[in-house]
């Protein structure tokens, strides 16, 4: 249904960097497979065609690409950038 090569192709289509998903791709691919199944797509080509025609499907695909980042996993969590990020509230998409 979707393997790493398909995932890379999807990221390229959406203009997203592979490096940002390399370590977390399994969970993201699992969510995307469920989305593809719900849309009745069995191939990446079919999925891309649906994304090109259906704005809500495109937005849902974008939502499935979101990855939660925990500051506790950052080695230098006391760095200025990390301290700033932990102090701000980001708006919901």
PDB file of N, CA and C in Angstrom:
ATOM      1  N   UNK A   1       0.830  -1.188   0.000  1.00  0.00           N
ATOM      2  CA  UNK A   1       0.000   0.000   0.000  1.00  0.00           C
ATOM      3  C   UNK A   1       0.878   1.256   0.000  1.00  0.00           C
ATOM      4  N   UNK A   2       1.669   1.464   1.048  1.00  0.00           N
ATOM      5  CA  UNK A   2       2.614   2.576   1.054  1.00  0.00           C
ATOM      6  C   UNK A   2       3.900   2.115   1.728  1.00  0.00           C
ATOM      7  N   UNK A   3       4.996   2.216   0.991  1.00  0.00           N
ATOM      8  CA  UNK A   3       6.298   1.880   1.554  1.00  0.00           C
ATOM      9  C   UNK A   3       7.123   3.161   1.651  1.00  0.00           C
ATOM     10  N   UNK A   4       8.380   3.026   2.037  1.00  0.00           N
ATOM     11  CA  UNK A   4       9.235   4.201   2.214  1.00  0.00           C
ATOM     12  C   UNK A   4       9.369   5.017   0.925  1.00  0.00           C
ATOM     13  N   UNK A   5       9.468   4.331  -0.217  1.00  0.00           N
ATOM     14  CA  UNK A   5       9.603   5.056  -1.486  1.00  0.00           C
ATOM     15  C   UNK A   5       8.339   5.851  -1.800  1.00  0.00           C
ATOM     16  N   UNK A   6       7.175   5.239  -1.564  1.00  0.00           N
ATOM     17  CA  UNK A   6       5.914   5.958  -1.758  1.00  0.00           C
ATOM     18  C   UNK A   6       5.830   7.148  -0.809  1.00  0.00           C
ATOM     19  N   UNK A   7       6.270   6.933   0.427  1.00  0.00           N
ATOM     20  CA  UNK A   7       6.231   8.001   1.417  1.00  0.00           C
ATOM     21  C   UNK A   7       7.120   9.162   0.983  1.00  0.00           C
ATOM     22  N   UNK A   8       8.291   8.850   0.467  1.00  0.00           N
ATOM     23  CA  UNK A   8       9.189   9.901  -0.024  1.00  0.00           C
ATOM     24  C   UNK A   8       8.539  10.662  -1.172  1.00  0.00           C
ATOM     25  N   UNK A   9       7.875   9.922  -2.057  1.00  0.00           N
ATOM     26  CA  UNK A   9       7.204  10.559  -3.190  1.00  0.00           C
ATOM     27  C   UNK A   9       6.073  11.477  -2.709  1.00  0.00           C
ATOM     28  N   UNK A  10       5.325  11.024  -1.711  1.00  0.00           N
ATOM     29  CA  UNK A  10       4.262  11.849  -1.146  1.00  0.00           C
ATOM     30  C   UNK A  10       4.841  13.113  -0.514  1.00  0.00           C
ATOM     31  N   UNK A  11       5.916  12.974   0.233  1.00  0.00           N
ATOM     32  CA  UNK A  11       6.561  14.138   0.852  1.00  0.00           C
ATOM     33  C   UNK A  11       7.037  15.124  -0.212  1.00  0.00           C
ATOM     34  N   UNK A  12       7.572  14.599  -1.305  1.00  0.00           N
ATOM     35  CA  UNK A  12       8.027  15.465  -2.392  1.00  0.00           C
ATOM     36  C   UNK A  12       6.833  16.206  -2.999  1.00  0.00           C
ATOM     37  N   UNK A  13       5.722  15.500  -3.200  1.00  0.00           N
ATOM     38  CA  UNK A  13       4.497  16.100  -3.738  1.00  0.00           C
ATOM     39  C   UNK A  13       4.010  17.231  -2.822  1.00  0.00           C
ATOM     40  N   UNK A  14       4.109  17.012  -1.520  1.00  0.00           N
ATOM     41  CA  UNK A  14       3.645  17.995  -0.530  1.00  0.00           C
ATOM     42  C   UNK A  14       4.719  19.008  -0.146  1.00  0.00           C
ATOM     43  N   UNK A  15       5.887  18.884  -0.774  1.00  0.00           N
ATOM     44  CA  UNK A  15       7.030  19.765  -0.519  1.00  0.00           C
ATOM     45  C   UNK A  15       7.442  19.737   0.951  1.00  0.00           C
ATOM     46  N   UNK A  16       7.571  18.531   1.477  1.00  0.00           N
ATOM     47  CA  UNK A  16       8.017  18.316   2.856  1.00  0.00           C
ATOM     48  C   UNK A  16       9.372  17.618   2.820  1.00  0.00           C
ATOM     49  N   UNK A  17      10.240  17.890   3.799  1.00  0.00           N
ATOM     50  CA  UNK A  17      11.579  17.279   3.806  1.00  0.00           C
ATOM     51  C   UNK A  17      11.574  15.857   4.378  1.00  0.00           C
ATOM     52  N   UNK A  18      12.248  14.948   3.714  1.00  0.00           N
ATOM     53  CA  UNK A  18      12.386  13.571   4.185  1.00  0.00           C
ATOM     54  C   UNK A  18      13.084  13.545   5.542  1.00  0.00           C
ATOM     55  N   UNK A  19      14.083  14.398   5.745  1.00  0.00           N
ATOM     56  CA  UNK A  19      14.859  14.403   6.975  1.00  0.00           C
ATOM     57  C   UNK A  19      13.970  14.616   8.197  1.00  0.00           C
ATOM     58  N   UNK A  20      12.924  15.395   8.051  1.00  0.00           N
ATOM     59  CA  UNK A  20      12.040  15.663   9.169  1.00  0.00           C
ATOM     60  C   UNK A  20      11.196  14.472   9.598  1.00  0.00           C
ATOM     61  N   UNK A  21      11.090  13.478   8.732  1.00  0.00           N
ATOM     62  CA  UNK A  21      10.233  12.322   9.011  1.00  0.00           C
ATOM     63  C   UNK A  21      11.002  11.003   9.093  1.00  0.00           C
ATOM     64  N   UNK A  22      12.284  11.039   8.812  1.00  0.00           N
ATOM     65  CA  UNK A  22      13.073   9.813   8.720  1.00  0.00           C
ATOM     66  C   UNK A  22      12.922   8.914   9.945  1.00  0.00           C
ATOM     67  N   UNK A  23      12.982   9.472  11.142  1.00  0.00           N
ATOM     68  CA  UNK A  23      12.957   8.653  12.358  1.00  0.00           C
ATOM     69  C   UNK A  23      11.545   8.346  12.854  1.00  0.00           C
ATOM     70  N   UNK A  24      10.543   9.059  12.369  1.00  0.00           N
ATOM     71  CA  UNK A  24       9.169   8.859  12.861  1.00  0.00           C
ATOM     72  C   UNK A  24       8.227   8.382  11.755  1.00  0.00           C
ATOM     73  N   UNK A  25       8.782   7.966  10.637  1.00  0.00           N
ATOM     74  CA  UNK A  25       7.966   7.669   9.462  1.00  0.00           C
ATOM     75  C   UNK A  25       7.007   6.498   9.649  1.00  0.00           C
ATOM     76  N   UNK A  26       7.353   5.516  10.464  1.00  0.00           N
ATOM     77  CA  UNK A  26       6.498   4.335  10.603  1.00  0.00           C
ATOM     78  C   UNK A  26       5.117   4.701  11.126  1.00  0.00           C
ATOM     79  N   UNK A  27       5.061   5.524  12.154  1.00  0.00           N
ATOM     80  CA  UNK A  27       3.781   5.945  12.700  1.00  0.00           C
ATOM     81  C   UNK A  27       2.995   6.806  11.721  1.00  0.00           C
ATOM     82  N   UNK A  28       3.693   7.694  11.015  1.00  0.00           N
ATOM     83  CA  UNK A  28       3.045   8.568  10.044  1.00  0.00           C
ATOM     84  C   UNK A  28       2.506   7.735   8.886  1.00  0.00           C
ATOM     85  N   UNK A  29       3.296   6.790   8.401  1.00  0.00           N
ATOM     86  CA  UNK A  29       2.862   5.928   7.300  1.00  0.00           C
ATOM     87  C   UNK A  29       1.631   5.124   7.713  1.00  0.00           C
ATOM     88  N   UNK A  30       1.609   4.662   8.939  1.00  0.00           N
ATOM     89  CA  UNK A  30       0.449   3.898   9.429  1.00  0.00           C
ATOM     90  C   UNK A  30      -0.821   4.753   9.373  1.00  0.00           C
ATOM     91  N   UNK A  31      -0.722   6.007   9.807  1.00  0.00           N
ATOM     92  CA  UNK A  31      -1.879   6.909   9.757  1.00  0.00           C
ATOM     93  C   UNK A  31      -2.294   7.183   8.311  1.00  0.00           C
ATOM     94  N   UNK A  32      -1.305   7.374   7.439  1.00  0.00           N
ATOM     95  CA  UNK A  32      -1.609   7.644   6.035  1.00  0.00           C
ATOM     96  C   UNK A  32      -2.244   6.429   5.366  1.00  0.00           C
ATOM     97  N   UNK A  33      -1.808   5.234   5.717  1.00  0.00           N
ATOM     98  CA  UNK A  33      -2.426   4.020   5.154  1.00  0.00           C
ATOM     99  C   UNK A  33      -3.905   3.942   5.525  1.00  0.00           C
ATOM    100  N   UNK A  34      -4.195   4.270   6.790  1.00  0.00           N
ATOM    101  CA  UNK A  34      -5.607   4.262   7.226  1.00  0.00           C
ATOM    102  C   UNK A  34      -6.414   5.292   6.437  1.00  0.00           C
ATOM    103  N   UNK A  35      -5.816   6.457   6.208  1.00  0.00           N
ATOM    104  CA  UNK A  35      -6.491   7.501   5.444  1.00  0.00           C
ATOM    105  C   UNK A  35      -6.716   7.054   4.007  1.00  0.00           C
ATOM    106  N   UNK A  36      -5.704   6.444   3.411  1.00  0.00           N
ATOM    107  CA  UNK A  36      -5.843   5.939   2.043  1.00  0.00           C
ATOM    108  C   UNK A  36      -6.976   4.914   1.964  1.00  0.00           C
ATOM    109  N   UNK A  37      -7.020   4.009   2.928  1.00  0.00           N
ATOM    110  CA  UNK A  37      -8.065   2.980   2.949  1.00  0.00           C
ATOM    111  C   UNK A  37      -9.446   3.617   3.073  1.00  0.00           C
ATOM    112  N   UNK A  38      -9.568   4.609   3.939  1.00  0.00           N
ATOM    113  CA  UNK A  38     -10.851   5.292   4.122  1.00  0.00           C
ATOM    114  C   UNK A  38     -11.302   5.986   2.835  1.00  0.00           C
ATOM    115  N   UNK A  39     -10.349   6.430   2.019  1.00  0.00           N
ATOM    116  CA  UNK A  39     -10.673   7.082   0.752  1.00  0.00           C
ATOM    117  C   UNK A  39     -10.844   6.082  -0.388  1.00  0.00           C
ATOM    118  N   UNK A  40     -10.567   4.807  -0.107  1.00  0.00           N
ATOM    119  CA  UNK A  40     -10.689   3.775  -1.136  1.00  0.00           C
ATOM    120  C   UNK A  40      -9.507   3.706  -2.073  1.00  0.00           C
ATOM    121  N   UNK A  41      -8.364   4.213  -1.650  1.00  0.00           N
ATOM    122  CA  UNK A  41      -7.153   4.220  -2.488  1.00  0.00           C
ATOM    123  C   UNK A  41      -6.260   3.039  -2.130  1.00  0.00           C
ATOM    124  N   UNK A  42      -5.806   2.332  -3.153  1.00  0.00           N
ATOM    125  CA  UNK A  42      -4.889   1.210  -2.924  1.00  0.00           C
ATOM    126  C   UNK A  42      -3.488   1.505  -3.440  1.00  0.00           C
ATOM    127  N   UNK A  43      -3.349   2.594  -4.182  1.00  0.00           N
ATOM    128  CA  UNK A  43      -2.032   2.974  -4.702  1.00  0.00           C
ATOM    129  C   UNK A  43      -1.754   4.440  -4.397  1.00  0.00           C
ATOM    130  N   UNK A  44      -0.492   4.792  -4.432  1.00  0.00           N
ATOM    131  CA  UNK A  44      -0.114   6.183  -4.195  1.00  0.00           C
ATOM    132  C   UNK A  44      -0.662   7.074  -5.305  1.00  0.00           C
ATOM    133  N   UNK A  45      -0.659   6.589  -6.521  1.00  0.00           N
ATOM    134  CA  UNK A  45      -1.187   7.378  -7.637  1.00  0.00           C
ATOM    135  C   UNK A  45      -2.639   7.761  -7.420  1.00  0.00           C
ATOM    136  N   UNK A  46      -3.426   6.805  -6.969  1.00  0.00           N
ATOM    137  CA  UNK A  46      -4.836   7.067  -6.661  1.00  0.00           C
ATOM    138  C   UNK A  46      -4.946   8.095  -5.535  1.00  0.00           C
ATOM    139  N   UNK A  47      -4.139   7.925  -4.508  1.00  0.00           N
ATOM    140  CA  UNK A  47      -4.159   8.838  -3.354  1.00  0.00           C
ATOM    141  C   UNK A  47      -3.807  10.254  -3.779  1.00  0.00           C
ATOM    142  N   UNK A  48      -2.767  10.407  -4.593  1.00  0.00           N
ATOM    143  CA  UNK A  48      -2.361  11.730  -5.053  1.00  0.00           C
ATOM    144  C   UNK A  48      -3.452  12.360  -5.910  1.00  0.00           C
ATOM    145  N   UNK A  49      -4.143  11.546  -6.709  1.00  0.00           N
ATOM    146  CA  UNK A  49      -5.245  12.067  -7.532  1.00  0.00           C
ATOM    147  C   UNK A  49      -6.368  12.600  -6.640  1.00  0.00           C
ATOM    148  N   UNK A  50      -6.694  11.860  -5.591  1.00  0.00           N
ATOM    149  CA  UNK A  50      -7.740  12.302  -4.668  1.00  0.00           C
ATOM    150  C   UNK A  50      -7.306  13.578  -3.947  1.00  0.00           C
ATOM    151  N   UNK A  51      -6.054  13.620  -3.514  1.00  0.00           N
ATOM    152  CA  UNK A  51      -5.552  14.813  -2.817  1.00  0.00           C
ATOM    153  C   UNK A  51      -5.603  16.043  -3.719  1.00  0.00           C
ATOM    154  N   UNK A  52      -5.370  15.830  -5.009  1.00  0.00           N
ATOM    155  CA  UNK A  52      -5.404  16.938  -5.961  1.00  0.00           C
ATOM    156  C   UNK A  52      -6.809  17.456  -6.233  1.00  0.00           C
ATOM    157  N   UNK A  53      -7.823  16.620  -5.987  1.00  0.00           N
ATOM    158  CA  UNK A  53      -9.199  16.996  -6.296  1.00  0.00           C
ATOM    159  C   UNK A  53     -10.036  17.343  -5.068  1.00  0.00           C
ATOM    160  N   UNK A  54      -9.672  16.820  -3.917  1.00  0.00           N
ATOM    161  CA  UNK A  54     -10.505  16.964  -2.720  1.00  0.00           C
ATOM    162  C   UNK A  54      -9.742  17.723  -1.639  1.00  0.00           C
ATOM    163  N   UNK A  55     -10.148  18.960  -1.420  1.00  0.00           N
ATOM    164  CA  UNK A  55      -9.444  19.807  -0.445  1.00  0.00           C
ATOM    165  C   UNK A  55      -9.491  19.228   0.969  1.00  0.00           C
ATOM    166  N   UNK A  56     -10.613  18.666   1.362  1.00  0.00           N
ATOM    167  CA  UNK A  56     -10.706  18.122   2.721  1.00  0.00           C
ATOM    168  C   UNK A  56      -9.791  16.905   2.887  1.00  0.00           C
ATOM    169  N   UNK A  57      -9.652  16.096   1.841  1.00  0.00           N
ATOM    170  CA  UNK A  57      -8.729  14.954   1.904  1.00  0.00           C
ATOM    171  C   UNK A  57      -7.289  15.457   2.003  1.00  0.00           C
ATOM    172  N   UNK A  58      -6.987  16.527   1.258  1.00  0.00           N
ATOM    173  CA  UNK A  58      -5.648  17.119   1.308  1.00  0.00           C
ATOM    174  C   UNK A  58      -5.351  17.639   2.714  1.00  0.00           C
ATOM    175  N   UNK A  59      -6.316  18.335   3.301  1.00  0.00           N
ATOM    176  CA  UNK A  59      -6.122  18.872   4.656  1.00  0.00           C
ATOM    177  C   UNK A  59      -5.964  17.749   5.671  1.00  0.00           C
ATOM    178  N   UNK A  60      -6.710  16.659   5.503  1.00  0.00           N
ATOM    179  CA  UNK A  60      -6.595  15.528   6.418  1.00  0.00           C
ATOM    180  C   UNK A  60      -5.229  14.860   6.270  1.00  0.00           C
ATOM    181  N   UNK A  61      -4.737  14.778   5.048  1.00  0.00           N
ATOM    182  CA  UNK A  61      -3.389  14.234   4.818  1.00  0.00           C
ATOM    183  C   UNK A  61      -2.361  15.087   5.550  1.00  0.00           C
ATOM    184  N   UNK A  62      -2.491  16.405   5.432  1.00  0.00           N
ATOM    185  CA  UNK A  62      -1.579  17.311   6.128  1.00  0.00           C
ATOM    186  C   UNK A  62      -1.641  17.078   7.640  1.00  0.00           C
ATOM    187  N   UNK A  63      -2.835  16.851   8.155  1.00  0.00           N
ATOM    188  CA  UNK A  63      -2.997  16.601   9.595  1.00  0.00           C
ATOM    189  C   UNK A  63      -2.309  15.306  10.007  1.00  0.00           C
ATOM    190  N   UNK A  64      -2.367  14.291   9.156  1.00  0.00           N
ATOM    191  CA  UNK A  64      -1.723  13.011   9.466  1.00  0.00           C
ATOM    192  C   UNK A  64      -0.204  13.112   9.458  1.00  0.00           C
ATOM    193  N   UNK A  65       0.324  14.155   8.843  1.00  0.00           N
ATOM    194  CA  UNK A  65       1.780  14.342   8.794  1.00  0.00           C
ATOM    195  C   UNK A  65       2.319  15.054  10.035  1.00  0.00           C
ATOM    196  N   UNK A  66       1.437  15.554  10.867  1.00  0.00           N
ATOM    197  CA  UNK A  66       1.896  16.240  12.081  1.00  0.00           C
ATOM    198  C   UNK A  66       2.514  15.252  13.051  1.00  0.00           C
ATOM    199  N   UNK A  67       3.601  15.690  13.667  1.00  0.00           N
ATOM    200  CA  UNK A  67       4.333  14.845  14.603  1.00  0.00           C
ATOM    201  C   UNK A  67       4.517  15.626  15.898  1.00  0.00           C
ATOM    202  N   UNK A  68       4.195  14.999  17.010  1.00  0.00           N
ATOM    203  CA  UNK A  68       4.377  15.626  18.312  1.00  0.00           C
ATOM    204  C   UNK A  68       5.835  15.509  18.727  1.00  0.00           C
ATOM    205  N   UNK A  69       6.391  16.610  19.170  1.00  0.00           N
ATOM    206  CA  UNK A  69       7.785  16.621  19.616  1.00  0.00           C
ATOM    207  C   UNK A  69       7.790  16.926  21.103  1.00  0.00           C
ATOM    208  N   UNK A  70       8.426  16.062  21.860  1.00  0.00           N
ATOM    209  CA  UNK A  70       8.512  16.252  23.300  1.00  0.00           C
ATOM    210  C   UNK A  70       9.837  16.906  23.646  1.00  0.00           C
ATOM    211  N   UNK A  71       9.778  17.992  24.416  1.00  0.00           N
ATOM    212  CA  UNK A  71      11.023  18.650  24.811  1.00  0.00           C
ATOM    213  C   UNK A  71      11.846  17.790  25.754  1.00  0.00           C
ATOM    214  N   UNK A  72      11.214  16.824  26.412  1.00  0.00           N
ATOM    215  CA  UNK A  72      11.980  15.957  27.306  1.00  0.00           C
ATOM    216  C   UNK A  72      12.923  15.051  26.529  1.00  0.00           C
ATOM    217  N   UNK A  73      12.674  14.899  25.228  1.00  0.00           N
ATOM    218  CA  UNK A  73      13.560  14.065  24.417  1.00  0.00           C
ATOM    219  C   UNK A  73      14.727  14.858  23.842  1.00  0.00           C
ATOM    220  N   UNK A  74      14.714  16.165  24.037  1.00  0.00           N
ATOM    221  CA  UNK A  74      15.800  17.013  23.539  1.00  0.00           C
ATOM    222  C   UNK A  74      16.936  16.964  24.551  1.00  0.00           C
ATOM    223  N   UNK A  75      18.146  16.569  24.116  1.00  0.00           N
ATOM    224  CA  UNK A  75      19.265  16.420  25.050  1.00  0.00           C
ATOM    225  C   UNK A  75      19.584  17.670  25.854  1.00  0.00           C
ATOM    226  N   UNK A  76      19.505  18.831  25.236  1.00  0.00           N
ATOM    227  CA  UNK A  76      19.870  20.061  25.941  1.00  0.00           C
ATOM    228  C   UNK A  76      18.605  20.867  26.202  1.00  0.00           C
ATOM    229  N   UNK A  77      17.716  20.337  27.031  1.00  0.00           N
ATOM    230  CA  UNK A  77      16.434  21.003  27.227  1.00  0.00           C
ATOM    231  C   UNK A  77      16.534  22.324  27.984  1.00  0.00           C
ATOM    232  N   UNK A  78      17.691  22.658  28.505  1.00  0.00           N
ATOM    233  CA  UNK A  78      17.867  23.947  29.166  1.00  0.00           C
ATOM    234  C   UNK A  78      18.485  24.989  28.231  1.00  0.00           C
ATOM    235  N   UNK A  79      18.579  24.655  26.954  1.00  0.00           N
ATOM    236  CA  UNK A  79      19.130  25.621  26.005  1.00  0.00           C
ATOM    237  C   UNK A  79      18.120  26.760  25.821  1.00  0.00           C
ATOM    238  N   UNK A  80      18.570  27.947  25.461  1.00  0.00           N
ATOM    239  CA  UNK A  80      17.666  29.099  25.325  1.00  0.00           C
ATOM    240  C   UNK A  80      16.479  28.845  24.388  1.00  0.00           C
ATOM    241  N   UNK A  81      16.732  28.192  23.283  1.00  0.00           N
ATOM    242  CA  UNK A  81      15.651  27.922  22.336  1.00  0.00           C
ATOM    243  C   UNK A  81      14.597  27.025  22.964  1.00  0.00           C
ATOM    244  N   UNK A  82      15.027  25.973  23.655  1.00  0.00           N
ATOM    245  CA  UNK A  82      14.092  25.048  24.294  1.00  0.00           C
ATOM    246  C   UNK A  82      13.299  25.741  25.393  1.00  0.00           C
ATOM    247  N   UNK A  83      13.954  26.583  26.161  1.00  0.00           N
ATOM    248  CA  UNK A  83      13.260  27.319  27.214  1.00  0.00           C
ATOM    249  C   UNK A  83      12.202  28.248  26.626  1.00  0.00           C
ATOM    250  N   UNK A  84      12.541  28.905  25.523  1.00  0.00           N
ATOM    251  CA  UNK A  84      11.572  29.775  24.867  1.00  0.00           C
ATOM    252  C   UNK A  84      10.389  28.970  24.343  1.00  0.00           C
ATOM    253  N   UNK A  85      10.665  27.874  23.651  1.00  0.00           N
ATOM    254  CA  UNK A  85       9.592  27.049  23.093  1.00  0.00           C
ATOM    255  C   UNK A  85       8.651  26.520  24.168  1.00  0.00           C
ATOM    256  N   UNK A  86       9.198  26.195  25.318  1.00  0.00           N
ATOM    257  CA  UNK A  86       8.360  25.664  26.383  1.00  0.00           C
ATOM    258  C   UNK A  86       7.511  26.752  27.038  1.00  0.00           C
ATOM    259  N   UNK A  87       7.842  28.016  26.781  1.00  0.00           N
ATOM    260  CA  UNK A  87       7.108  29.112  27.419  1.00  0.00           C
ATOM    261  C   UNK A  87       5.994  29.676  26.549  1.00  0.00           C
ATOM    262  N   UNK A  88       5.952  29.307  25.274  1.00  0.00           N
ATOM    263  CA  UNK A  88       4.942  29.866  24.382  1.00  0.00           C
ATOM    264  C   UNK A  88       3.849  28.831  24.112  1.00  0.00           C
ATOM    265  N   UNK A  89       2.682  29.328  23.865  1.00  0.00           N
ATOM    266  CA  UNK A  89       1.573  28.474  23.474  1.00  0.00           C
ATOM    267  C   UNK A  89       1.324  28.702  22.000  1.00  0.00           C
ATOM    268  N   UNK A  90       1.419  27.641  21.229  1.00  0.00           N
ATOM    269  CA  UNK A  90       1.201  27.765  19.793  1.00  0.00           C
ATOM    270  C   UNK A  90      -0.280  27.595  19.495  1.00  0.00           C
ATOM    271  N   UNK A  91      -0.799  28.327  18.516  1.00  0.00           N
ATOM    272  CA  UNK A  91      -2.225  28.197  18.177  1.00  0.00           C
ATOM    273  C   UNK A  91      -2.503  26.846  17.520  1.00  0.00           C
ATOM    274  N   UNK A  92      -3.678  26.343  17.733  1.00  0.00           N
ATOM    275  CA  UNK A  92      -4.088  25.093  17.098  1.00  0.00           C
ATOM    276  C   UNK A  92      -4.243  25.349  15.603  1.00  0.00           C
ATOM    277  N   UNK A  93      -3.877  24.374  14.765  1.00  0.00           N
ATOM    278  CA  UNK A  93      -3.989  24.570  13.310  1.00  0.00           C
ATOM    279  C   UNK A  93      -5.428  24.640  12.852  1.00  0.00           C
TER     280      UNK A  93
END
